[in-house]
Amino acid sequence: MNALGLVSTRLCAGLMGRRSAVNLPSLRFSSGMTLSQIDEEVARLLQLKAQLGGDEGKHVFVLKTAKGTRDYNPKQMAIREKVFNIIISCFKRHGAETIDTPVFELKETLTGKYGEDSKLIYDLKDQGGELLSLRYDLTVPFARYLAMNKITNIKRYHIAKVYRRDNPAMTRGRYREFYQCDFDIAGQYDAMIPDAECLKIVYEILNELDLGDFRIKVNDRRILDGLFAVCGVPDEKFRTICSTVDKLDKMAWEDVKKEMVNEKGLSADVADRIGEYVSMQGGQDLAERLLQDPRLSQSKQACAGLTDMKLLFSYLELFQVTDKVVFDLSLARGLDYYTGVIYEAILSQTIQAPVSMPAEQNGADEAGVSVGSVAGGGRYDGLVGMFDPKGRKVPCVGVSIGIERIFSIMEQKAEASSEKVCTTETQVLVASAQKNLLEERLRLTNELWNAGIKAEVLYKKNPKLLSQLQHCEETGIPLVAILGEQELKDGVVKLRNVARREEVDVPRVDLVDEIKKRTLLS
């Protein structure tokens, strides 16, 4: 039997054992077949083997990320790291220290803190007698941390992953697993000073990230509660009506009203009265006008909120951010733990789905829609007291930056730009111009590492100089330290600027200083 015939016979034997699982065609081999006929039959059998999934019993993996999650390649991570650095630098500039908490909490810690969004919490199976849930945000764990450690004053930031069993809209940076970047001030301070600083932080970060035009909407839960009361909303419906008003950034007023009336049981007259107020926007002048409003002036809660709103705008004017801040009565933020000022930053531009995101994951029908909120927060003076055995309250105010939505925009901008994104921080590649200089390259690379220089060397004994230079251009390495036999004799290194293609001989003893100087200049 020739070689092809032997292959065919073995393939037949391998497939016959699985014939019951798949409807195999009859196997047509005979001693009188030509080589071309055998080739055709072998190809047919190989195709059948591929369809059967390989060896008997071998598991075939579905290679995809879980719904609402994604992988990030080195280019994306470089962009991501840049965003994180800008945010962290701002937090530190404002005097914050950092903490960390577990990725899961006791289920009872998270239950009842998020209003209607509580249904989005990921519950875990009973582990060792404890009912656990993945954290939904970083605010509730922070409040638990303060109560548990009896901390009454802290300014902290926390950057970590949170989890929501949400319906993902990945083109808009809406995932089931995502990072939050939180800044919070806990402690008893004079009114509106910490609140104004949180808004200043949002302003600084969005300006520095250069994401386009934005505005920061502010309101106060006390104003909303007072508004609901004077409009005739029953006390027990405050939170659920608040959650409906919170949808005004996504739905038209008529649809919001329909939900209030048809689903929440509110009368149409009460809904219309609410509608008169939630259409109002302005600044300090609006707060002053509402303090004279015949209805709202009857509510002590609303008046307290409006008085603080006036004070807040006076501080925001000192911080020079009032050009982007608007007092908007439609802002509700449905989370149950807010007690005072609330705010949300909105980008006005739209984004497209990232090219690198698989079509089946990116929700292509949502491409080109508004990004929406990229930051939000507010005052939550009662949350820590919910965890404290004696109910001691620690006033808190904070803001959370929506890193995933911001990253979606930064990624889109990078894809649209011809500018190269460096995925490493390598400052110099140690190269050679001739063969048999591997040991010298490694020796110089080690000297640079020991001096704190970020250096690389190609893992080949005798790479071509052109290949080494191309590697620098492809990866964005700015400098090449080239060794040759003559350079070794003269005690110099040829230092090449990759972008300008300029070379200069540098004494070996001065190489570290020269690289550091050039890196600082760039």
Protein backbone atom coordinates (compact mmCIF):
# COMPACT_ATOMS: atom_id res chain seq x y z
CA MET A 1 0.00 0.00 0.00
CA ASN A 2 1.37 3.45 -0.87
CA ALA A 3 1.68 6.29 1.67
CA LEU A 4 -1.54 8.03 0.66
CA GLY A 5 -3.44 4.78 0.88
CA LEU A 6 -2.07 4.21 4.39
CA VAL A 7 -3.16 7.71 5.46
CA SER A 8 -6.61 7.08 4.02
CA THR A 9 -6.93 3.79 5.84
CA ARG A 10 -6.00 5.37 9.18
CA LEU A 11 -8.44 8.24 8.63
CA CYS A 12 -11.18 5.75 7.83
CA ALA A 13 -10.48 3.85 11.03
CA GLY A 14 -10.55 7.03 13.08
CA LEU A 15 -13.84 8.14 11.59
CA MET A 16 -15.68 4.82 11.70
CA GLY A 17 -15.77 4.92 15.51
CA ARG A 18 -17.76 8.16 15.33
CA ARG A 19 -20.01 7.24 12.44
CA SER A 20 -22.94 6.79 14.81
CA ALA A 21 -22.67 10.45 15.87
CA VAL A 22 -22.48 11.88 12.34
CA ASN A 23 -24.10 10.76 9.12
CA LEU A 24 -20.92 9.83 7.23
CA PRO A 25 -21.07 9.12 3.49
CA SER A 26 -19.85 5.72 2.31
CA LEU A 27 -16.07 5.39 2.15
CA ARG A 28 -15.03 4.74 -1.42
CA PHE A 29 -11.51 3.24 -1.41
CA SER A 30 -10.33 0.44 -3.71
CA SER A 31 -6.98 -0.99 -4.81
CA GLY A 32 -7.48 0.30 -8.35
CA MET A 33 -7.78 4.00 -7.36
CA THR A 34 -5.42 6.55 -8.89
CA LEU A 35 -3.34 8.90 -6.73
CA SER A 36 -5.57 11.88 -7.63
CA GLN A 37 -8.67 9.92 -6.58
CA ILE A 38 -7.04 8.98 -3.29
CA ASP A 39 -6.08 12.65 -2.78
CA GLU A 40 -9.72 13.68 -3.23
CA GLU A 41 -10.96 11.06 -0.77
CA VAL A 42 -8.29 11.99 1.80
CA ALA A 43 -9.26 15.69 1.52
CA ARG A 44 -12.92 14.76 1.97
CA LEU A 45 -12.16 12.70 5.06
CA LEU A 46 -9.95 15.43 6.55
CA GLN A 47 -12.82 17.86 6.14
CA LEU A 48 -15.15 15.45 7.92
CA LYS A 49 -12.64 15.01 10.73
CA ALA A 50 -12.48 18.78 11.19
CA GLN A 51 -16.29 18.94 11.37
CA LEU A 52 -16.28 16.26 14.07
CA GLY A 53 -14.04 18.44 16.22
CA GLY A 54 -10.83 16.46 16.39
CA ASP A 55 -10.02 13.60 18.72
CA GLU A 56 -12.69 11.52 20.45
CA GLY A 57 -13.87 13.15 23.69
CA LYS A 58 -11.88 16.36 23.19
CA HIS A 59 -13.77 19.44 24.45
CA VAL A 60 -14.22 22.22 21.90
CA PHE A 61 -14.03 25.63 23.60
CA VAL A 62 -16.12 28.60 22.52
CA LEU A 63 -13.52 31.36 22.31
CA LYS A 64 -15.32 34.54 23.36
CA THR A 65 -15.46 36.83 26.36
CA ALA A 66 -18.51 36.70 28.62
CA LYS A 67 -21.41 39.01 27.75
CA GLY A 68 -20.75 42.59 28.80
CA THR A 69 -16.98 42.12 29.12
CA ARG A 70 -14.03 42.55 26.78
CA ASP A 71 -10.28 42.05 26.42
CA TYR A 72 -7.89 44.97 25.99
CA ASN A 73 -4.85 44.77 23.73
CA PRO A 74 -1.55 46.58 24.48
CA LYS A 75 -2.52 49.66 22.45
CA GLN A 76 -5.84 49.95 24.28
CA MET A 77 -4.14 49.45 27.63
CA ALA A 78 -1.64 52.22 26.85
CA ILE A 79 -4.56 54.61 26.22
CA ARG A 80 -6.28 53.34 29.36
CA GLU A 81 -3.18 53.88 31.47
CA LYS A 82 -2.89 57.45 30.22
CA VAL A 83 -6.49 58.14 31.30
CA PHE A 84 -5.89 56.58 34.72
CA ASN A 85 -2.74 58.65 35.22
CA ILE A 86 -4.60 61.90 34.49
CA ILE A 87 -7.39 60.99 36.91
CA ILE A 88 -5.07 59.81 39.69
CA SER A 89 -2.88 62.92 39.33
CA CYS A 90 -5.96 65.10 39.81
CA PHE A 91 -7.11 63.14 42.87
CA LYS A 92 -3.65 63.44 44.42
CA ARG A 93 -3.47 67.14 43.58
CA HIS A 94 -6.53 67.57 45.76
CA GLY A 95 -4.92 65.76 48.70
CA ALA A 96 -6.58 62.33 48.50
CA GLU A 97 -5.12 59.09 49.83
CA THR A 98 -6.16 55.69 48.50
CA ILE A 99 -7.76 52.54 49.95
CA ASP A 100 -8.90 49.15 48.63
CA THR A 101 -11.78 46.86 49.59
CA PRO A 102 -12.75 43.25 48.60
CA VAL A 103 -14.38 42.64 45.24
CA PHE A 104 -17.31 40.96 47.04
CA GLU A 105 -19.23 41.97 50.15
CA LEU A 106 -21.75 40.30 52.41
CA LYS A 107 -25.03 40.37 50.52
CA GLU A 108 -26.77 42.25 53.37
CA THR A 109 -24.17 45.05 53.05
CA LEU A 110 -25.36 45.86 49.52
CA THR A 111 -29.06 45.05 49.84
CA GLY A 112 -31.45 48.00 49.87
CA LYS A 113 -28.89 50.70 49.00
CA TYR A 114 -29.53 51.13 45.26
CA GLY A 115 -33.29 51.52 44.87
CA GLU A 116 -34.68 49.84 41.77
CA ASP A 117 -31.14 49.11 40.57
CA SER A 118 -30.72 46.52 43.34
CA LYS A 119 -31.93 43.89 40.86
CA LEU A 120 -28.66 44.37 38.98
CA ILE A 121 -26.49 43.09 41.85
CA TYR A 122 -24.58 39.86 41.12
CA ASP A 123 -25.28 37.36 43.92
CA LEU A 124 -22.79 34.55 44.56
CA LYS A 125 -23.54 31.04 45.77
CA ASP A 126 -23.28 30.32 49.49
CA GLN A 127 -19.56 30.07 50.25
CA GLY A 128 -18.70 28.66 53.67
CA GLY A 129 -21.90 29.87 55.30
CA GLU A 130 -21.75 33.46 53.95
CA LEU A 131 -24.16 34.94 51.42
CA LEU A 132 -22.02 37.17 49.19
CA SER A 133 -22.51 39.57 46.30
CA LEU A 134 -20.10 41.24 43.89
CA ARG A 135 -19.77 44.94 44.67
CA TYR A 136 -22.12 47.14 42.63
CA ASP A 137 -20.15 50.34 43.21
CA LEU A 138 -17.34 51.64 45.44
CA THR A 139 -19.48 53.95 47.59
CA VAL A 140 -21.31 51.40 49.74
CA PRO A 141 -18.08 49.44 50.48
CA PHE A 142 -16.46 52.77 51.42
CA ALA A 143 -19.28 53.52 53.87
CA ARG A 144 -18.94 50.02 55.37
CA TYR A 145 -15.16 50.59 55.66
CA LEU A 146 -15.66 53.88 57.54
CA ALA A 147 -18.19 52.40 59.99
CA MET A 148 -16.14 49.24 60.55
CA ASN A 149 -12.95 51.19 61.28
CA LYS A 150 -14.67 54.06 63.16
CA ILE A 151 -13.22 56.65 60.74
CA THR A 152 -14.88 60.08 60.87
CA ASN A 153 -12.60 62.12 58.56
CA ILE A 154 -10.89 61.06 55.34
CA LYS A 155 -10.35 62.27 51.79
CA ARG A 156 -9.83 59.18 49.67
CA TYR A 157 -9.80 57.87 46.12
CA HIS A 158 -10.42 54.30 45.04
CA ILE A 159 -10.03 52.82 41.56
CA ALA A 160 -11.30 49.26 41.12
CA LYS A 161 -13.67 47.00 39.18
CA VAL A 162 -17.39 46.79 39.96
CA TYR A 163 -20.06 44.47 38.59
CA ARG A 164 -23.63 44.98 37.36
CA ARG A 165 -26.00 42.41 35.89
CA ASP A 166 -27.03 45.05 33.39
CA ASN A 167 -28.04 44.94 29.74
CA PRO A 168 -24.69 45.95 28.20
CA ALA A 169 -24.41 48.66 25.56
CA MET A 170 -20.72 48.31 24.86
CA THR A 171 -20.47 51.00 22.19
CA ARG A 172 -21.36 53.49 24.91
CA GLY A 173 -18.89 52.04 27.39
CA ARG A 174 -21.64 50.24 29.33
CA TYR A 175 -20.40 46.88 30.60
CA ARG A 176 -21.16 44.25 33.23
CA GLU A 177 -17.60 44.42 34.56
CA PHE A 178 -15.99 47.86 34.60
CA TYR A 179 -13.76 50.22 36.53
CA GLN A 180 -14.94 53.08 38.68
CA CYS A 181 -12.69 55.93 39.79
CA ASP A 182 -14.09 57.41 43.00
CA PHE A 183 -13.11 60.47 45.02
CA ASP A 184 -14.87 61.07 48.35
CA ILE A 185 -14.61 63.48 51.28
CA ALA A 186 -15.93 62.19 54.62
CA GLY A 187 -16.27 64.41 57.68
CA GLN A 188 -18.20 67.21 59.33
CA TYR A 189 -17.39 70.42 57.43
CA ASP A 190 -19.06 73.71 56.60
CA ALA A 191 -21.76 73.48 53.93
CA MET A 192 -20.93 73.14 50.24
CA ILE A 193 -17.13 73.55 50.45
CA PRO A 194 -16.32 69.83 49.88
CA ASP A 195 -19.21 69.60 47.38
CA ALA A 196 -17.75 72.45 45.32
CA GLU A 197 -14.33 70.77 45.31
CA CYS A 198 -15.83 67.53 43.93
CA LEU A 199 -17.34 69.49 41.03
CA LYS A 200 -14.02 71.26 40.47
CA ILE A 201 -12.34 67.82 40.21
CA VAL A 202 -14.81 66.69 37.53
CA TYR A 203 -14.19 69.92 35.63
CA GLU A 204 -10.40 69.52 35.78
CA ILE A 205 -10.41 65.88 34.67
CA LEU A 206 -12.75 66.39 31.70
CA ASN A 207 -10.79 69.45 30.60
CA GLU A 208 -7.45 67.65 30.77
CA LEU A 209 -8.75 64.57 28.94
CA ASP A 210 -9.89 66.88 26.09
CA LEU A 211 -13.04 64.87 25.33
CA GLY A 212 -14.95 67.72 23.72
CA ASP A 213 -17.76 69.88 25.05
CA PHE A 214 -19.39 68.86 28.33
CA ARG A 215 -21.69 70.20 31.01
CA ILE A 216 -22.15 69.30 34.66
CA LYS A 217 -25.76 69.17 35.85
CA VAL A 218 -26.43 69.75 39.56
CA ASN A 219 -29.53 69.37 41.70
CA ASP A 220 -30.39 68.48 45.30
CA ARG A 221 -32.42 65.53 46.56
CA ARG A 222 -33.99 67.81 49.20
CA ILE A 223 -35.27 70.07 46.41
CA LEU A 224 -36.68 67.03 44.59
CA ASP A 225 -38.34 65.64 47.71
CA GLY A 226 -39.82 69.05 48.49
CA LEU A 227 -40.96 69.37 44.89
CA PHE A 228 -42.66 65.95 45.01
CA ALA A 229 -44.37 66.84 48.29
CA VAL A 230 -45.83 70.15 47.13
CA CYS A 231 -46.91 68.60 43.81
CA GLY A 232 -48.91 65.92 45.66
CA VAL A 233 -46.73 62.78 45.40
CA PRO A 234 -47.47 60.40 48.34
CA ASP A 235 -44.46 59.94 50.68
CA GLU A 236 -44.17 56.22 49.93
CA LYS A 237 -43.79 56.97 46.19
CA PHE A 238 -40.93 59.50 46.48
CA ARG A 239 -38.13 57.02 45.68
CA THR A 240 -39.89 55.27 42.82
CA ILE A 241 -40.97 58.58 41.21
CA CYS A 242 -37.39 59.80 41.64
CA SER A 243 -36.17 56.77 39.66
CA THR A 244 -38.62 57.62 36.88
CA VAL A 245 -37.56 61.28 36.74
CA ASP A 246 -33.96 60.02 36.49
CA LYS A 247 -34.83 58.62 33.04
CA LEU A 248 -35.41 62.07 31.53
CA ASP A 249 -31.91 62.04 30.01
CA LYS A 250 -32.90 58.95 27.99
CA MET A 251 -36.66 59.38 27.50
CA ALA A 252 -39.00 62.19 26.40
CA TRP A 253 -41.18 63.82 29.07
CA GLU A 254 -44.35 62.23 27.62
CA ASP A 255 -42.85 58.75 28.09
CA VAL A 256 -41.71 59.59 31.61
CA LYS A 257 -45.17 60.91 32.45
CA LYS A 258 -46.75 57.75 31.02
CA GLU A 259 -44.56 55.61 33.31
CA MET A 260 -45.49 57.76 36.34
CA VAL A 261 -49.20 57.46 35.62
CA ASN A 262 -49.60 53.98 34.12
CA GLU A 263 -46.90 52.06 36.02
CA LYS A 264 -46.37 54.04 39.23
CA GLY A 265 -50.03 54.97 39.86
CA LEU A 266 -49.59 58.76 39.97
CA SER A 267 -52.45 61.00 38.90
CA ALA A 268 -51.99 62.89 35.62
CA ASP A 269 -52.44 66.26 37.39
CA VAL A 270 -49.61 65.51 39.84
CA ALA A 271 -47.36 64.35 36.97
CA ASP A 272 -48.08 67.57 35.06
CA ARG A 273 -47.14 69.68 38.08
CA ILE A 274 -43.86 67.80 38.35
CA GLY A 275 -43.31 68.37 34.64
CA GLU A 276 -43.47 72.15 35.10
CA TYR A 277 -40.49 72.05 37.45
CA VAL A 278 -38.26 69.38 35.93
CA SER A 279 -38.05 71.36 32.68
CA MET A 280 -36.28 74.22 34.48
CA GLN A 281 -32.55 74.92 34.10
CA GLY A 282 -30.32 77.79 35.19
CA GLY A 283 -27.78 78.82 37.78
CA GLN A 284 -27.76 80.81 40.98
CA ASP A 285 -30.56 82.97 39.57
CA LEU A 286 -32.85 79.92 39.26
CA ALA A 287 -32.24 78.99 42.89
CA GLU A 288 -33.16 82.54 43.96
CA ARG A 289 -36.30 82.49 41.81
CA LEU A 290 -37.45 79.12 43.18
CA LEU A 291 -37.02 80.34 46.74
CA GLN A 292 -39.84 82.80 45.91
CA ASP A 293 -41.98 80.14 44.20
CA PRO A 294 -45.45 79.97 45.83
CA ARG A 295 -45.42 76.16 45.99
CA LEU A 296 -41.76 75.33 46.70
CA SER A 297 -41.39 78.04 49.36
CA GLN A 298 -43.87 76.01 51.47
CA SER A 299 -41.34 73.16 51.77
CA LYS A 300 -38.59 73.55 54.40
CA GLN A 301 -36.65 70.76 52.68
CA ALA A 302 -36.75 72.46 49.31
CA CYS A 303 -35.81 75.83 50.80
CA ALA A 304 -32.79 74.30 52.59
CA GLY A 305 -31.67 72.70 49.33
CA LEU A 306 -32.15 75.92 47.35
CA THR A 307 -30.23 77.97 49.92
CA ASP A 308 -27.31 75.52 49.72
CA MET A 309 -27.54 75.61 45.92
CA LYS A 310 -26.99 79.39 45.98
CA LEU A 311 -23.99 78.90 48.29
CA LEU A 312 -22.60 76.15 46.05
CA PHE A 313 -22.71 78.41 42.97
CA SER A 314 -20.88 81.16 44.85
CA TYR A 315 -18.00 78.72 45.55
CA LEU A 316 -18.09 77.38 41.98
CA GLU A 317 -17.68 80.94 40.75
CA LEU A 318 -14.53 81.26 42.87
CA PHE A 319 -13.28 77.96 41.39
CA GLN A 320 -14.03 79.33 37.87
CA VAL A 321 -16.19 76.42 36.73
CA THR A 322 -19.64 78.01 36.37
CA ASP A 323 -19.30 78.11 32.58
CA LYS A 324 -19.88 74.34 32.54
CA VAL A 325 -22.22 73.88 35.52
CA VAL A 326 -26.03 74.12 35.22
CA PHE A 327 -28.71 73.80 37.92
CA ASP A 328 -31.08 71.26 36.34
CA LEU A 329 -34.25 70.15 38.17
CA SER A 330 -34.61 67.06 35.94
CA LEU A 331 -31.47 65.50 37.45
CA ALA A 332 -32.55 62.85 39.96
CA ARG A 333 -29.92 60.08 40.24
CA GLY A 334 -32.05 57.16 41.38
CA LEU A 335 -29.74 55.65 44.01
CA ASP A 336 -31.42 55.61 47.42
CA TYR A 337 -28.44 56.75 49.49
CA TYR A 338 -28.22 60.36 48.20
CA THR A 339 -29.37 62.97 50.73
CA GLY A 340 -28.34 66.37 49.34
CA VAL A 341 -26.51 67.81 46.35
CA ILE A 342 -26.30 65.48 43.32
CA TYR A 343 -24.45 66.03 40.05
CA GLU A 344 -23.72 64.40 36.71
CA ALA A 345 -21.31 65.27 33.89
CA ILE A 346 -22.62 64.84 30.34
CA LEU A 347 -20.61 64.80 27.10
CA SER A 348 -22.39 66.34 24.15
CA GLN A 349 -20.65 64.35 21.41
CA THR A 350 -21.45 60.89 20.01
CA ILE A 351 -19.15 57.91 19.53
CA GLN A 352 -18.93 54.94 17.20
CA ALA A 353 -18.18 51.35 18.13
CA PRO A 354 -14.44 50.64 18.46
CA VAL A 355 -13.13 48.92 15.32
CA SER A 356 -11.42 46.26 17.43
CA MET A 357 -14.64 45.20 19.15
CA PRO A 358 -16.35 42.11 17.63
CA ALA A 359 -19.65 42.98 15.96
CA GLU A 360 -21.59 40.44 18.01
CA GLN A 361 -20.38 42.11 21.22
CA ASN A 362 -20.51 45.79 20.42
CA GLY A 363 -24.26 46.18 19.95
CA ALA A 364 -23.76 47.64 16.48
CA ASP A 365 -27.28 49.06 16.44
CA GLU A 366 -26.20 51.51 19.14
CA ALA A 367 -23.26 52.94 17.20
CA GLY A 368 -23.28 56.69 16.84
CA VAL A 369 -25.40 57.38 19.92
CA SER A 370 -24.71 59.91 22.65
CA VAL A 371 -22.23 58.79 25.28
CA GLY A 372 -24.29 60.31 28.07
CA SER A 373 -23.03 60.54 31.63
CA VAL A 374 -19.28 60.20 32.21
CA ALA A 375 -19.22 61.19 35.89
CA GLY A 376 -21.70 61.45 38.71
CA GLY A 377 -22.01 61.72 42.44
CA GLY A 378 -23.46 63.62 45.32
CA ARG A 379 -23.90 63.90 49.07
CA TYR A 380 -24.80 60.81 51.12
CA ASP A 381 -24.84 61.83 54.80
CA GLY A 382 -26.82 58.84 56.08
CA LEU A 383 -25.06 55.86 54.48
CA VAL A 384 -22.28 55.33 57.04
CA GLY A 385 -24.83 55.49 59.89
CA MET A 386 -26.70 52.55 58.33
CA PHE A 387 -23.67 50.36 59.10
CA ASP A 388 -22.67 51.84 62.46
CA PRO A 389 -24.03 49.82 65.44
CA LYS A 390 -24.90 53.07 67.23
CA GLY A 391 -26.15 54.82 64.10
CA ARG A 392 -23.43 57.48 64.21
CA LYS A 393 -23.49 59.51 61.01
CA VAL A 394 -20.45 60.56 59.02
CA PRO A 395 -21.35 63.18 56.38
CA CYS A 396 -19.92 62.23 52.96
CA VAL A 397 -19.80 63.65 49.47
CA GLY A 398 -18.11 62.16 46.43
CA VAL A 399 -17.86 61.70 42.72
CA SER A 400 -17.34 58.69 40.45
CA ILE A 401 -15.65 59.00 37.04
CA GLY A 402 -17.05 56.70 34.34
CA ILE A 403 -13.74 55.44 33.01
CA GLU A 404 -15.21 52.98 30.47
CA ARG A 405 -17.23 55.62 28.65
CA ILE A 406 -14.27 57.96 28.65
CA PHE A 407 -12.07 55.18 27.34
CA SER A 408 -14.53 54.47 24.49
CA ILE A 409 -14.04 58.06 23.29
CA MET A 410 -10.25 58.02 23.73
CA GLU A 411 -10.05 54.74 21.82
CA GLN A 412 -12.14 56.13 18.97
CA LYS A 413 -9.94 59.23 18.79
CA ALA A 414 -6.80 57.07 18.68
CA GLU A 415 -8.20 54.95 15.85
CA ALA A 416 -9.13 58.05 13.86
CA SER A 417 -5.69 59.61 14.39
CA SER A 418 -2.52 58.70 12.54
CA GLU A 419 -0.50 59.31 15.70
CA LYS A 420 1.30 56.21 16.92
CA VAL A 421 0.38 54.87 20.37
CA CYS A 422 3.46 53.59 22.22
CA THR A 423 2.63 50.38 24.07
CA THR A 424 5.89 50.26 26.02
CA GLU A 425 8.02 52.85 27.82
CA THR A 426 11.28 51.56 26.36
CA GLN A 427 13.74 54.44 25.95
CA VAL A 428 16.48 52.73 23.95
CA LEU A 429 17.17 49.57 21.97
CA VAL A 430 20.71 48.21 22.18
CA ALA A 431 21.64 47.12 18.66
CA SER A 432 24.69 45.88 16.80
CA ALA A 433 25.99 46.71 13.33
CA GLN A 434 27.96 43.48 12.81
CA LYS A 435 27.75 39.80 13.72
CA ASN A 436 29.12 38.12 16.87
CA LEU A 437 28.38 41.03 19.20
CA LEU A 438 25.62 39.42 21.28
CA GLU A 439 27.70 39.43 24.48
CA GLU A 440 28.57 43.11 24.04
CA ARG A 441 24.89 43.96 23.44
CA LEU A 442 23.85 42.09 26.57
CA ARG A 443 26.62 43.69 28.60
CA LEU A 444 25.56 47.22 27.57
CA THR A 445 21.87 46.41 28.10
CA ASN A 446 22.66 45.29 31.64
CA GLU A 447 24.59 48.53 32.31
CA LEU A 448 21.56 50.54 31.19
CA TRP A 449 19.12 48.49 33.30
CA ASN A 450 21.34 48.94 36.36
CA ALA A 451 21.31 52.71 35.75
CA GLY A 452 17.49 52.78 35.63
CA ILE A 453 17.22 53.12 31.84
CA LYS A 454 14.32 51.31 30.15
CA ALA A 455 16.18 49.28 27.54
CA GLU A 456 15.53 46.35 25.20
CA VAL A 457 17.61 43.98 23.08
CA LEU A 458 16.43 41.65 20.30
CA TYR A 459 16.60 37.97 21.25
CA LYS A 460 18.77 36.94 18.27
CA LYS A 461 22.50 36.29 18.13
CA ASN A 462 23.07 38.13 14.88
CA PRO A 463 20.09 40.30 13.94
CA LYS A 464 20.32 42.53 10.90
CA LEU A 465 20.73 46.22 11.72
CA LEU A 466 17.76 47.06 9.48
CA SER A 467 15.55 44.64 11.41
CA GLN A 468 16.58 46.27 14.68
CA LEU A 469 15.80 49.76 13.38
CA GLN A 470 12.45 48.62 11.99
CA HIS A 471 11.55 47.18 15.39
CA CYS A 472 12.11 50.63 16.91
CA GLU A 473 9.93 52.34 14.32
CA GLU A 474 7.12 49.79 14.73
CA THR A 475 7.07 49.94 18.54
CA GLY A 476 7.86 53.63 19.03
CA ILE A 477 11.25 53.23 20.72
CA PRO A 478 12.84 56.69 20.34
CA LEU A 479 16.58 55.84 20.58
CA VAL A 480 18.98 53.13 19.38
CA ALA A 481 22.39 52.52 20.95
CA ILE A 482 24.41 50.90 18.16
CA LEU A 483 27.58 48.89 18.86
CA GLY A 484 30.13 47.96 16.23
CA GLU A 485 33.72 46.76 16.26
CA GLN A 486 35.06 50.26 15.68
CA GLU A 487 32.83 51.74 18.40
CA LEU A 488 34.09 49.15 20.87
CA LYS A 489 37.71 50.04 20.04
CA ASP A 490 37.02 53.76 20.40
CA GLY A 491 35.03 53.39 23.64
CA VAL A 492 31.94 55.05 22.15
CA VAL A 493 28.34 54.13 21.32
CA LYS A 494 26.53 55.42 18.25
CA LEU A 495 23.25 56.91 19.55
CA ARG A 496 20.55 57.20 16.88
CA ASN A 497 17.37 59.28 17.05
CA VAL A 498 14.83 57.00 15.33
CA ALA A 499 12.36 59.70 14.26
CA ARG A 500 14.95 62.13 12.87
CA ARG A 501 17.38 59.41 11.74
CA GLU A 502 20.29 61.36 13.19
CA GLU A 503 23.32 59.66 14.75
CA VAL A 504 26.02 60.88 17.11
CA ASP A 505 28.96 59.13 18.79
CA VAL A 506 28.66 59.28 22.58
CA PRO A 507 31.47 58.20 24.97
CA ARG A 508 30.32 55.04 26.70
CA VAL A 509 30.81 56.59 30.15
CA ASP A 510 28.43 59.43 29.18
CA LEU A 511 25.75 57.25 27.55
CA VAL A 512 23.39 57.01 30.55
CA ASP A 513 23.39 60.78 31.09
CA GLU A 514 22.87 61.44 27.38
CA ILE A 515 19.88 59.05 27.20
CA LYS A 516 18.32 60.61 30.30
CA LYS A 517 18.82 64.11 28.90
CA ARG A 518 17.27 63.23 25.55
CA THR A 519 14.35 61.43 27.22
CA LEU A 520 13.59 64.49 29.36
CA LEU A 521 13.70 66.76 26.32
CA SER A 522 11.23 64.56 24.43
